[in-house]
N, C-alpha and C. Protein backbone atom coordinates (compact mmCIF):
# COMPACT_ATOMS: atom_id res chain seq x y z
N MET A 1 -15.68 71.46 -55.84
CA MET A 1 -14.32 70.92 -55.79
C MET A 1 -13.80 70.87 -54.34
N ASN A 2 -14.11 71.90 -53.55
CA ASN A 2 -13.71 71.89 -52.15
C ASN A 2 -14.26 70.79 -51.37
N ALA A 3 -15.51 70.38 -51.64
CA ALA A 3 -16.11 69.29 -50.90
C ALA A 3 -15.38 67.97 -51.19
N TYR A 4 -14.93 67.78 -52.43
CA TYR A 4 -14.20 66.56 -52.74
C TYR A 4 -12.84 66.51 -52.04
N ILE A 5 -12.13 67.61 -51.93
CA ILE A 5 -10.89 67.69 -51.23
C ILE A 5 -11.05 67.38 -49.77
N VAL A 6 -12.03 68.05 -49.15
CA VAL A 6 -12.35 67.79 -47.75
C VAL A 6 -12.76 66.34 -47.56
N GLY A 7 -13.54 65.81 -48.43
CA GLY A 7 -13.95 64.39 -48.38
C GLY A 7 -12.80 63.41 -48.46
N LEU A 8 -11.71 63.76 -49.13
CA LEU A 8 -10.50 62.91 -49.15
C LEU A 8 -9.58 63.12 -47.98
N ILE A 9 -9.42 64.38 -47.62
CA ILE A 9 -8.39 64.72 -46.58
C ILE A 9 -8.88 64.37 -45.15
N VAL A 10 -10.08 64.63 -44.85
CA VAL A 10 -10.63 64.37 -43.50
C VAL A 10 -10.54 62.84 -43.14
N PRO A 11 -10.94 61.94 -43.97
CA PRO A 11 -10.77 60.55 -43.60
C PRO A 11 -9.31 60.13 -43.42
N LEU A 12 -8.38 60.68 -44.27
CA LEU A 12 -6.97 60.37 -44.16
C LEU A 12 -6.42 60.88 -42.81
N VAL A 13 -6.75 62.09 -42.46
CA VAL A 13 -6.28 62.68 -41.17
C VAL A 13 -6.82 61.86 -39.99
N ILE A 14 -8.07 61.46 -40.03
CA ILE A 14 -8.68 60.65 -38.99
C ILE A 14 -7.98 59.27 -38.90
N LEU A 15 -7.72 58.67 -40.02
CA LEU A 15 -7.06 57.41 -40.07
C LEU A 15 -5.64 57.50 -39.51
N LEU A 16 -4.86 58.53 -39.87
CA LEU A 16 -3.53 58.72 -39.36
C LEU A 16 -3.55 58.99 -37.86
N PHE A 17 -4.48 59.82 -37.42
CA PHE A 17 -4.56 60.19 -36.00
C PHE A 17 -4.95 58.95 -35.13
N ARG A 18 -5.95 58.19 -35.66
CA ARG A 18 -6.37 56.99 -34.93
C ARG A 18 -5.28 55.93 -34.85
N ASN A 19 -4.51 55.70 -35.85
CA ASN A 19 -3.46 54.74 -35.83
C ASN A 19 -2.29 55.15 -34.92
N SER A 20 -2.02 56.44 -34.82
CA SER A 20 -0.88 56.84 -33.99
C SER A 20 -1.23 56.83 -32.50
N THR A 21 -2.49 57.07 -32.14
CA THR A 21 -2.85 57.12 -30.71
C THR A 21 -3.50 55.84 -30.20
N ASN A 22 -4.04 55.10 -31.02
CA ASN A 22 -4.88 53.96 -30.55
C ASN A 22 -4.11 52.60 -30.72
N ARG A 23 -2.86 52.64 -31.03
CA ARG A 23 -2.11 51.44 -31.24
C ARG A 23 -1.79 50.78 -29.95
N LYS A 24 -2.18 49.51 -29.83
CA LYS A 24 -1.93 48.77 -28.58
C LYS A 24 -0.60 48.06 -28.71
N ARG A 25 0.13 48.12 -27.66
CA ARG A 25 1.43 47.39 -27.63
C ARG A 25 1.11 46.09 -26.88
N ARG A 26 1.05 45.01 -27.64
CA ARG A 26 0.61 43.74 -27.06
C ARG A 26 1.80 42.87 -26.61
N GLY A 27 2.93 42.98 -27.20
CA GLY A 27 4.05 42.17 -26.77
C GLY A 27 5.37 42.65 -27.27
N SER A 28 6.44 42.14 -26.67
CA SER A 28 7.78 42.50 -27.05
C SER A 28 8.51 41.28 -27.52
N PRO A 29 9.25 41.35 -28.66
CA PRO A 29 10.02 40.16 -29.05
C PRO A 29 11.09 39.83 -28.01
N THR A 30 11.26 38.56 -27.78
CA THR A 30 12.15 38.10 -26.76
C THR A 30 13.07 37.02 -27.36
N ASP A 31 14.38 37.07 -26.99
CA ASP A 31 15.25 35.98 -27.41
C ASP A 31 15.33 35.00 -26.27
N VAL A 32 14.82 33.79 -26.46
CA VAL A 32 14.86 32.83 -25.41
C VAL A 32 15.84 31.70 -25.64
N GLY A 33 16.59 31.77 -26.72
CA GLY A 33 17.55 30.73 -27.04
C GLY A 33 16.88 29.51 -27.59
N GLY A 34 17.65 28.46 -27.77
CA GLY A 34 17.08 27.24 -28.30
C GLY A 34 16.72 27.31 -29.76
N ASP A 35 15.66 26.69 -30.16
CA ASP A 35 15.25 26.65 -31.55
C ASP A 35 14.90 28.02 -32.03
N PRO A 36 15.23 28.38 -33.26
CA PRO A 36 14.84 29.71 -33.77
C PRO A 36 13.35 29.79 -33.93
N GLY A 37 12.86 30.97 -33.75
CA GLY A 37 11.39 31.20 -33.86
C GLY A 37 11.08 32.56 -33.30
N TYR A 38 9.84 32.95 -33.33
CA TYR A 38 9.43 34.26 -32.82
C TYR A 38 8.74 34.09 -31.50
N THR A 39 9.33 34.57 -30.43
CA THR A 39 8.77 34.47 -29.12
C THR A 39 8.36 35.87 -28.64
N VAL A 40 7.16 36.02 -28.12
CA VAL A 40 6.70 37.30 -27.62
C VAL A 40 6.31 37.14 -26.16
N ARG A 41 6.62 38.23 -25.37
CA ARG A 41 6.15 38.24 -23.94
C ARG A 41 5.39 39.47 -23.76
N ASN A 42 4.73 39.57 -22.63
CA ASN A 42 3.94 40.72 -22.23
C ASN A 42 4.81 41.91 -22.07
N HIS A 43 4.48 43.06 -22.70
CA HIS A 43 5.36 44.18 -22.65
C HIS A 43 5.41 44.88 -21.28
N ARG A 44 4.45 44.59 -20.40
CA ARG A 44 4.37 45.23 -19.07
C ARG A 44 5.42 44.68 -18.13
N PHE A 45 6.04 43.55 -18.44
CA PHE A 45 7.00 42.95 -17.52
C PHE A 45 8.39 42.94 -18.14
N ALA A 46 9.32 43.63 -17.50
CA ALA A 46 10.69 43.74 -18.06
C ALA A 46 11.40 42.40 -17.99
N SER A 47 11.19 41.70 -16.90
CA SER A 47 11.87 40.41 -16.76
C SER A 47 11.06 39.28 -17.43
N VAL A 48 11.76 38.41 -18.05
CA VAL A 48 11.07 37.25 -18.67
C VAL A 48 10.48 36.36 -17.60
N LEU A 49 11.08 36.32 -16.46
CA LEU A 49 10.70 35.41 -15.37
C LEU A 49 10.31 36.20 -14.19
N SER A 50 9.16 35.89 -13.61
CA SER A 50 8.79 36.54 -12.33
C SER A 50 8.20 35.46 -11.45
N SER A 51 8.50 35.51 -10.15
CA SER A 51 7.98 34.52 -9.21
C SER A 51 7.78 35.18 -7.87
N ALA A 52 6.84 34.61 -7.14
CA ALA A 52 6.57 35.16 -5.77
C ALA A 52 7.71 34.83 -4.82
N TRP A 53 8.51 33.82 -5.13
CA TRP A 53 9.62 33.42 -4.34
C TRP A 53 10.90 33.50 -5.13
N GLU A 54 11.96 34.06 -4.56
CA GLU A 54 13.20 34.24 -5.32
C GLU A 54 13.85 32.97 -5.74
N ASP A 55 13.76 31.93 -4.95
CA ASP A 55 14.45 30.66 -5.27
C ASP A 55 13.63 29.74 -6.19
N VAL A 56 12.45 30.15 -6.56
CA VAL A 56 11.55 29.31 -7.34
C VAL A 56 11.49 29.78 -8.78
N THR A 57 11.94 28.91 -9.70
CA THR A 57 11.97 29.32 -11.11
C THR A 57 11.24 28.28 -12.02
N THR A 58 10.90 27.10 -11.51
CA THR A 58 10.18 26.12 -12.32
C THR A 58 8.88 25.64 -11.61
N LEU A 59 8.02 24.97 -12.36
CA LEU A 59 6.84 24.41 -11.75
C LEU A 59 7.17 23.32 -10.68
N ALA A 60 8.24 22.56 -10.91
CA ALA A 60 8.62 21.57 -9.97
C ALA A 60 9.13 22.19 -8.69
N GLU A 61 9.91 23.30 -8.80
CA GLU A 61 10.36 23.96 -7.59
C GLU A 61 9.17 24.63 -6.86
N MET A 62 8.20 25.09 -7.58
CA MET A 62 7.04 25.72 -6.92
C MET A 62 6.24 24.68 -6.20
N PHE A 63 6.06 23.45 -6.73
CA PHE A 63 5.33 22.44 -6.09
C PHE A 63 6.11 21.96 -4.82
N GLU A 64 7.42 21.77 -4.90
CA GLU A 64 8.25 21.38 -3.82
C GLU A 64 8.16 22.46 -2.72
N HIS A 65 8.27 23.69 -3.07
CA HIS A 65 8.18 24.78 -2.10
C HIS A 65 6.81 24.72 -1.37
N SER A 66 5.77 24.50 -2.13
CA SER A 66 4.41 24.46 -1.48
C SER A 66 4.28 23.24 -0.57
N CYS A 67 4.86 22.15 -1.00
CA CYS A 67 4.82 20.96 -0.17
C CYS A 67 5.62 21.09 1.14
N ARG A 68 6.76 21.76 1.09
CA ARG A 68 7.47 22.07 2.33
C ARG A 68 6.76 23.01 3.20
N ALA A 69 6.15 24.04 2.65
CA ALA A 69 5.47 25.08 3.47
C ALA A 69 4.19 24.52 4.05
N HIS A 70 3.52 23.56 3.41
CA HIS A 70 2.20 23.10 3.88
C HIS A 70 2.28 21.57 4.06
N HIS A 71 3.34 21.02 4.55
CA HIS A 71 3.57 19.58 4.66
C HIS A 71 2.36 18.81 5.22
N GLY A 72 1.84 19.25 6.31
CA GLY A 72 0.76 18.51 6.94
C GLY A 72 -0.65 18.86 6.52
N LYS A 73 -0.81 19.82 5.64
CA LYS A 73 -2.14 20.18 5.19
C LYS A 73 -2.67 19.28 4.11
N LEU A 74 -3.96 19.29 3.93
CA LEU A 74 -4.61 18.40 2.96
C LEU A 74 -4.53 19.05 1.57
N LEU A 75 -4.19 18.15 0.58
CA LEU A 75 -3.99 18.66 -0.81
C LEU A 75 -5.01 18.06 -1.76
N LEU A 76 -5.07 16.69 -1.80
CA LEU A 76 -5.94 16.03 -2.79
C LEU A 76 -7.04 15.25 -2.05
N GLY A 77 -8.27 15.34 -2.46
CA GLY A 77 -9.33 14.56 -1.96
C GLY A 77 -9.97 13.72 -3.05
N THR A 78 -10.23 12.47 -2.77
CA THR A 78 -10.89 11.58 -3.70
C THR A 78 -12.08 10.85 -2.93
N ARG A 79 -13.08 10.52 -3.77
CA ARG A 79 -14.23 9.79 -3.19
C ARG A 79 -14.38 8.49 -3.94
N GLU A 80 -14.64 7.43 -3.19
CA GLU A 80 -14.83 6.12 -3.78
C GLU A 80 -16.21 6.04 -4.41
N PHE A 81 -16.23 5.45 -5.60
CA PHE A 81 -17.52 5.20 -6.34
C PHE A 81 -18.24 4.11 -5.71
N ILE A 82 -19.53 4.33 -5.34
CA ILE A 82 -20.33 3.35 -4.63
C ILE A 82 -21.32 2.69 -5.59
N SER A 83 -22.14 3.52 -6.23
CA SER A 83 -23.15 2.95 -7.14
C SER A 83 -23.62 3.98 -8.19
N ARG A 84 -24.28 3.44 -9.15
CA ARG A 84 -24.87 4.26 -10.24
C ARG A 84 -26.31 3.96 -10.36
N GLU A 85 -27.11 4.98 -10.47
CA GLU A 85 -28.59 4.77 -10.50
C GLU A 85 -29.16 5.68 -11.61
N MET A 86 -30.11 5.12 -12.33
CA MET A 86 -30.81 5.87 -13.39
C MET A 86 -32.11 6.35 -12.80
N GLU A 87 -32.33 7.72 -12.87
CA GLU A 87 -33.60 8.29 -12.40
C GLU A 87 -34.34 8.92 -13.57
N ILE A 88 -35.66 8.88 -13.41
CA ILE A 88 -36.51 9.48 -14.42
C ILE A 88 -37.14 10.73 -13.81
N SER A 89 -36.93 11.86 -14.48
CA SER A 89 -37.45 13.14 -13.99
C SER A 89 -38.94 13.27 -14.27
N SER A 90 -39.57 14.30 -13.73
CA SER A 90 -41.02 14.52 -13.93
C SER A 90 -41.37 14.70 -15.37
N ASP A 91 -40.46 15.24 -16.21
CA ASP A 91 -40.82 15.43 -17.64
C ASP A 91 -40.46 14.19 -18.49
N GLY A 92 -40.08 13.08 -17.89
CA GLY A 92 -39.82 11.83 -18.61
C GLY A 92 -38.40 11.61 -19.03
N ARG A 93 -37.50 12.56 -18.86
CA ARG A 93 -36.11 12.33 -19.19
C ARG A 93 -35.43 11.52 -18.12
N THR A 94 -34.51 10.67 -18.61
CA THR A 94 -33.71 9.89 -17.67
C THR A 94 -32.32 10.48 -17.57
N PHE A 95 -31.80 10.40 -16.36
CA PHE A 95 -30.45 10.83 -16.12
C PHE A 95 -29.77 9.95 -15.13
N GLU A 96 -28.47 9.95 -15.21
CA GLU A 96 -27.68 9.07 -14.34
C GLU A 96 -27.27 9.77 -13.06
N LYS A 97 -27.45 9.10 -11.94
CA LYS A 97 -27.07 9.64 -10.68
C LYS A 97 -25.99 8.73 -10.04
N LEU A 98 -24.85 9.38 -9.70
CA LEU A 98 -23.71 8.60 -9.13
C LEU A 98 -23.74 8.81 -7.59
N HIS A 99 -23.42 7.77 -6.93
CA HIS A 99 -23.25 7.79 -5.45
C HIS A 99 -21.82 7.57 -5.08
N HIS A 100 -21.24 8.48 -4.33
CA HIS A 100 -19.88 8.38 -3.88
C HIS A 100 -19.80 8.31 -2.38
N GLY A 101 -18.71 7.80 -1.88
CA GLY A 101 -18.44 7.78 -0.42
C GLY A 101 -17.90 9.08 0.04
N GLU A 102 -17.35 9.08 1.26
CA GLU A 102 -16.74 10.25 1.86
C GLU A 102 -15.41 10.57 1.24
N TYR A 103 -14.97 11.78 1.33
CA TYR A 103 -13.67 12.17 0.79
C TYR A 103 -12.57 11.48 1.62
N LYS A 104 -11.57 11.05 0.94
CA LYS A 104 -10.35 10.55 1.55
C LYS A 104 -9.20 11.49 1.15
N TRP A 105 -8.65 12.19 2.10
CA TRP A 105 -7.68 13.25 1.80
C TRP A 105 -6.23 12.76 1.95
N VAL A 106 -5.39 13.34 1.16
CA VAL A 106 -3.99 13.08 1.16
C VAL A 106 -3.24 14.42 1.42
N THR A 107 -2.26 14.41 2.25
CA THR A 107 -1.52 15.62 2.63
C THR A 107 -0.47 16.00 1.57
N TYR A 108 -0.03 17.26 1.62
CA TYR A 108 1.01 17.72 0.71
C TYR A 108 2.24 16.79 0.84
N GLY A 109 2.60 16.45 2.07
CA GLY A 109 3.78 15.62 2.30
C GLY A 109 3.67 14.25 1.71
N ALA A 110 2.50 13.60 1.80
CA ALA A 110 2.31 12.28 1.19
C ALA A 110 2.30 12.35 -0.33
N VAL A 111 1.72 13.42 -0.88
CA VAL A 111 1.70 13.57 -2.32
C VAL A 111 3.12 13.85 -2.80
N PHE A 112 3.90 14.64 -2.11
CA PHE A 112 5.30 14.93 -2.50
C PHE A 112 6.10 13.65 -2.54
N GLU A 113 5.89 12.78 -1.54
CA GLU A 113 6.62 11.48 -1.46
C GLU A 113 6.24 10.65 -2.66
N SER A 114 4.94 10.61 -2.98
CA SER A 114 4.48 9.83 -4.17
C SER A 114 5.10 10.36 -5.46
N VAL A 115 5.12 11.70 -5.56
CA VAL A 115 5.70 12.34 -6.77
C VAL A 115 7.18 12.01 -6.86
N SER A 116 7.87 12.07 -5.74
CA SER A 116 9.32 11.76 -5.77
C SER A 116 9.60 10.33 -6.13
N ASN A 117 8.75 9.41 -5.59
CA ASN A 117 8.89 7.98 -5.97
C ASN A 117 8.63 7.73 -7.43
N PHE A 118 7.58 8.38 -7.98
CA PHE A 118 7.24 8.25 -9.39
C PHE A 118 8.39 8.78 -10.25
N ALA A 119 8.95 9.96 -9.86
CA ALA A 119 10.02 10.55 -10.60
C ALA A 119 11.28 9.63 -10.58
N SER A 120 11.52 9.01 -9.44
CA SER A 120 12.62 8.03 -9.37
C SER A 120 12.39 6.86 -10.26
N GLY A 121 11.11 6.41 -10.28
CA GLY A 121 10.78 5.30 -11.22
C GLY A 121 10.99 5.64 -12.63
N LEU A 122 10.71 6.85 -13.07
CA LEU A 122 10.96 7.33 -14.42
C LEU A 122 12.43 7.23 -14.73
N ALA A 123 13.24 7.65 -13.78
CA ALA A 123 14.71 7.62 -13.98
C ALA A 123 15.16 6.18 -14.01
N ASN A 124 14.59 5.34 -13.18
CA ASN A 124 15.00 3.96 -13.09
C ASN A 124 14.73 3.15 -14.37
N ILE A 125 13.64 3.51 -15.08
CA ILE A 125 13.30 2.78 -16.32
C ILE A 125 14.05 3.35 -17.51
N GLY A 126 14.88 4.37 -17.25
CA GLY A 126 15.71 4.94 -18.33
C GLY A 126 15.19 6.17 -18.99
N HIS A 127 14.18 6.75 -18.44
CA HIS A 127 13.64 8.00 -19.06
C HIS A 127 14.53 9.17 -18.64
N VAL A 128 15.12 9.78 -19.64
CA VAL A 128 16.11 10.85 -19.31
C VAL A 128 15.44 12.22 -19.39
N ARG A 129 16.13 13.19 -18.79
CA ARG A 129 15.61 14.59 -18.75
C ARG A 129 15.44 15.11 -20.14
N GLU A 130 14.46 16.00 -20.29
CA GLU A 130 14.13 16.74 -21.48
C GLU A 130 13.54 15.76 -22.63
N GLU A 131 13.16 14.60 -22.25
CA GLU A 131 12.38 13.73 -23.18
C GLU A 131 10.88 14.09 -22.98
N ARG A 132 10.07 13.48 -23.76
CA ARG A 132 8.65 13.65 -23.67
C ARG A 132 7.95 12.43 -23.01
N ALA A 133 6.88 12.69 -22.37
CA ALA A 133 6.07 11.62 -21.82
C ALA A 133 4.55 12.03 -22.09
N ALA A 134 3.81 11.00 -22.52
CA ALA A 134 2.37 11.20 -22.75
C ALA A 134 1.67 10.56 -21.58
N ILE A 135 0.73 11.29 -20.98
CA ILE A 135 -0.05 10.76 -19.88
C ILE A 135 -1.45 10.53 -20.42
N TYR A 136 -1.86 9.25 -20.41
CA TYR A 136 -3.16 8.85 -20.91
C TYR A 136 -3.97 8.44 -19.69
N ALA A 137 -4.80 9.34 -19.20
CA ALA A 137 -5.56 9.05 -17.97
C ALA A 137 -6.68 10.05 -17.80
N GLU A 138 -7.56 9.68 -16.89
CA GLU A 138 -8.58 10.58 -16.44
C GLU A 138 -7.95 11.60 -15.49
N THR A 139 -8.46 12.80 -15.38
CA THR A 139 -7.94 13.81 -14.50
C THR A 139 -8.36 13.43 -13.06
N ARG A 140 -7.33 12.92 -12.35
CA ARG A 140 -7.55 12.44 -10.95
C ARG A 140 -6.25 12.47 -10.20
N GLU A 141 -6.22 11.93 -9.03
CA GLU A 141 -5.02 11.99 -8.16
C GLU A 141 -3.75 11.40 -8.86
N GLU A 142 -3.97 10.26 -9.47
CA GLU A 142 -2.79 9.60 -10.15
C GLU A 142 -2.28 10.42 -11.29
N TRP A 143 -3.14 11.07 -12.01
CA TRP A 143 -2.79 11.97 -13.10
C TRP A 143 -1.92 13.10 -12.61
N PHE A 144 -2.33 13.75 -11.54
CA PHE A 144 -1.64 14.86 -10.91
C PHE A 144 -0.27 14.41 -10.39
N ILE A 145 -0.18 13.25 -9.83
CA ILE A 145 1.16 12.75 -9.32
C ILE A 145 2.05 12.46 -10.51
N ALA A 146 1.55 11.87 -11.61
CA ALA A 146 2.39 11.57 -12.77
C ALA A 146 2.88 12.88 -13.40
N LEU A 147 1.95 13.89 -13.48
CA LEU A 147 2.34 15.19 -14.06
C LEU A 147 3.42 15.81 -13.27
N GLN A 148 3.29 15.87 -11.95
CA GLN A 148 4.31 16.55 -11.12
C GLN A 148 5.58 15.76 -11.14
N ALA A 149 5.57 14.46 -11.24
CA ALA A 149 6.77 13.69 -11.36
C ALA A 149 7.53 13.95 -12.61
N CYS A 150 6.83 14.16 -13.69
CA CYS A 150 7.40 14.53 -14.98
C CYS A 150 8.06 15.86 -14.89
N PHE A 151 7.37 16.83 -14.21
CA PHE A 151 7.97 18.15 -14.04
C PHE A 151 9.24 18.04 -13.20
N ARG A 152 9.32 17.15 -12.20
CA ARG A 152 10.54 17.01 -11.40
C ARG A 152 11.70 16.47 -12.26
N ARG A 153 11.40 15.71 -13.25
CA ARG A 153 12.43 15.12 -14.13
C ARG A 153 12.69 15.99 -15.32
N ASN A 154 12.08 17.17 -15.42
CA ASN A 154 12.21 18.09 -16.51
C ASN A 154 11.79 17.42 -17.87
N VAL A 155 10.67 16.83 -17.78
CA VAL A 155 10.11 16.05 -18.90
C VAL A 155 8.91 16.81 -19.46
N THR A 156 8.86 16.98 -20.77
CA THR A 156 7.77 17.64 -21.42
C THR A 156 6.56 16.70 -21.39
N VAL A 157 5.43 17.18 -20.97
CA VAL A 157 4.26 16.35 -20.80
C VAL A 157 3.22 16.61 -21.91
N VAL A 158 2.71 15.51 -22.48
CA VAL A 158 1.64 15.54 -23.47
C VAL A 158 0.49 14.81 -22.80
N THR A 159 -0.65 15.49 -22.63
CA THR A 159 -1.80 14.81 -22.02
C THR A 159 -2.78 14.33 -23.08
N MET A 160 -3.29 13.13 -22.90
CA MET A 160 -4.28 12.61 -23.81
C MET A 160 -5.49 12.24 -22.99
N TYR A 161 -6.58 12.76 -23.39
CA TYR A 161 -7.83 12.58 -22.67
C TYR A 161 -8.31 11.15 -22.72
N ALA A 162 -8.86 10.67 -21.58
CA ALA A 162 -9.28 9.31 -21.44
C ALA A 162 -10.48 9.10 -22.34
N SER A 163 -11.15 10.09 -22.77
CA SER A 163 -12.36 9.96 -23.64
C SER A 163 -11.99 9.81 -25.16
N LEU A 164 -10.74 9.84 -25.45
CA LEU A 164 -10.31 9.70 -26.89
C LEU A 164 -10.78 8.30 -27.40
N GLY A 165 -11.23 8.30 -28.58
CA GLY A 165 -11.54 7.02 -29.27
C GLY A 165 -10.27 6.35 -29.73
N GLU A 166 -10.46 5.14 -30.29
CA GLU A 166 -9.28 4.35 -30.68
C GLU A 166 -8.44 5.07 -31.76
N GLU A 167 -9.11 5.64 -32.75
CA GLU A 167 -8.37 6.28 -33.83
C GLU A 167 -7.62 7.50 -33.38
N ALA A 168 -8.23 8.37 -32.57
CA ALA A 168 -7.58 9.54 -32.07
C ALA A 168 -6.43 9.20 -31.09
N LEU A 169 -6.63 8.16 -30.31
CA LEU A 169 -5.57 7.71 -29.40
C LEU A 169 -4.37 7.24 -30.15
N CYS A 170 -4.60 6.42 -31.15
CA CYS A 170 -3.49 5.89 -31.97
C CYS A 170 -2.77 7.00 -32.69
N HIS A 171 -3.49 7.97 -33.19
CA HIS A 171 -2.84 9.13 -33.85
C HIS A 171 -1.99 9.91 -32.87
N SER A 172 -2.53 10.17 -31.69
CA SER A 172 -1.78 10.89 -30.69
C SER A 172 -0.52 10.21 -30.29
N LEU A 173 -0.60 8.91 -30.06
CA LEU A 173 0.61 8.16 -29.69
C LEU A 173 1.64 8.16 -30.75
N ASN A 174 1.21 8.07 -32.03
CA ASN A 174 2.19 8.13 -33.13
C ASN A 174 2.82 9.46 -33.28
N GLU A 175 2.05 10.55 -32.97
CA GLU A 175 2.64 11.89 -33.11
C GLU A 175 3.61 12.17 -31.99
N VAL A 176 3.37 11.73 -30.83
CA VAL A 176 4.22 11.99 -29.67
C VAL A 176 5.52 11.28 -29.71
N ARG A 177 5.42 9.97 -30.02
CA ARG A 177 6.65 9.10 -30.11
C ARG A 177 7.47 9.26 -28.79
N SER A 178 6.88 8.90 -27.73
CA SER A 178 7.57 9.08 -26.45
C SER A 178 7.10 7.99 -25.46
N LEU A 179 7.67 8.03 -24.29
CA LEU A 179 7.22 7.15 -23.21
C LEU A 179 5.71 7.48 -22.93
N CYS A 180 4.91 6.50 -22.73
CA CYS A 180 3.52 6.78 -22.46
C CYS A 180 3.15 6.14 -21.13
N ILE A 181 2.59 6.99 -20.28
CA ILE A 181 2.13 6.59 -18.94
C ILE A 181 0.62 6.41 -19.01
N SER A 182 0.16 5.17 -18.85
CA SER A 182 -1.24 4.85 -18.93
C SER A 182 -1.78 4.63 -17.53
N LEU A 183 -2.74 5.45 -17.13
CA LEU A 183 -3.36 5.25 -15.81
C LEU A 183 -4.89 5.04 -16.02
N PHE A 184 -5.21 4.48 -17.11
CA PHE A 184 -6.59 4.32 -17.54
C PHE A 184 -7.00 2.90 -17.45
N PRO A 185 -8.22 2.62 -17.00
CA PRO A 185 -8.69 1.23 -16.86
C PRO A 185 -8.88 0.53 -18.17
N ASN A 186 -9.02 1.20 -19.30
CA ASN A 186 -9.27 0.50 -20.57
C ASN A 186 -7.95 0.13 -21.19
N ARG A 187 -7.28 -0.88 -20.59
CA ARG A 187 -5.95 -1.29 -21.00
C ARG A 187 -5.95 -1.86 -22.41
N GLU A 188 -7.02 -2.54 -22.80
CA GLU A 188 -7.10 -3.18 -24.13
C GLU A 188 -7.00 -2.15 -25.23
N LEU A 189 -7.73 -1.03 -25.13
CA LEU A 189 -7.67 0.01 -26.15
C LEU A 189 -6.33 0.61 -26.21
N PHE A 190 -5.70 0.81 -25.05
CA PHE A 190 -4.31 1.41 -25.01
C PHE A 190 -3.33 0.52 -25.66
N CYS A 191 -3.40 -0.81 -25.36
CA CYS A 191 -2.41 -1.77 -25.90
C CYS A 191 -2.56 -1.94 -27.39
N GLU A 192 -3.77 -1.81 -27.93
CA GLU A 192 -3.98 -1.92 -29.41
C GLU A 192 -3.23 -0.84 -30.12
N CYS A 193 -3.23 0.36 -29.57
CA CYS A 193 -2.61 1.51 -30.21
C CYS A 193 -1.10 1.60 -29.99
N TYR A 194 -0.63 1.13 -28.91
CA TYR A 194 0.76 1.42 -28.54
C TYR A 194 1.66 0.28 -28.98
């Protein structure tokens, strides 16, 4: 009879001890305002917002701060596509080899000017703050400029990969129901869906 009691009590004691000492605190509930819901932040940080610079609280402000601090330094580099060549390896497999030119660099200052102009263009066509914009493009210099311009206008960004097929692209555009910025060479596919 004693063996049965020990067999029941020992696992319960171990279970209680393990739960009280090994419980991880992963997050703390946070009231962020806006729509009701459950928001959790990391429990190690008392402040909801932390930044390396006191005057920087948004991604747009961080980008602007970086551009002012590094105005003349190089930020984005692109290479021009020259040619495509198919090569056959020693084991008989074929693979595509791309040839590109030299890097052409753009400074922080020039990119910031392009971002500001793009953001002004968004305002000029009537896109108001806190609306959504979908960016349909390959990840490249133009994509980055469009993204930062949306951040400057306080616009929520939805990115759609350039590799999406027609059905997935149409579904994404219907779900977003917003201004769509297309920087993709396949204009026909984009126009069919939008």
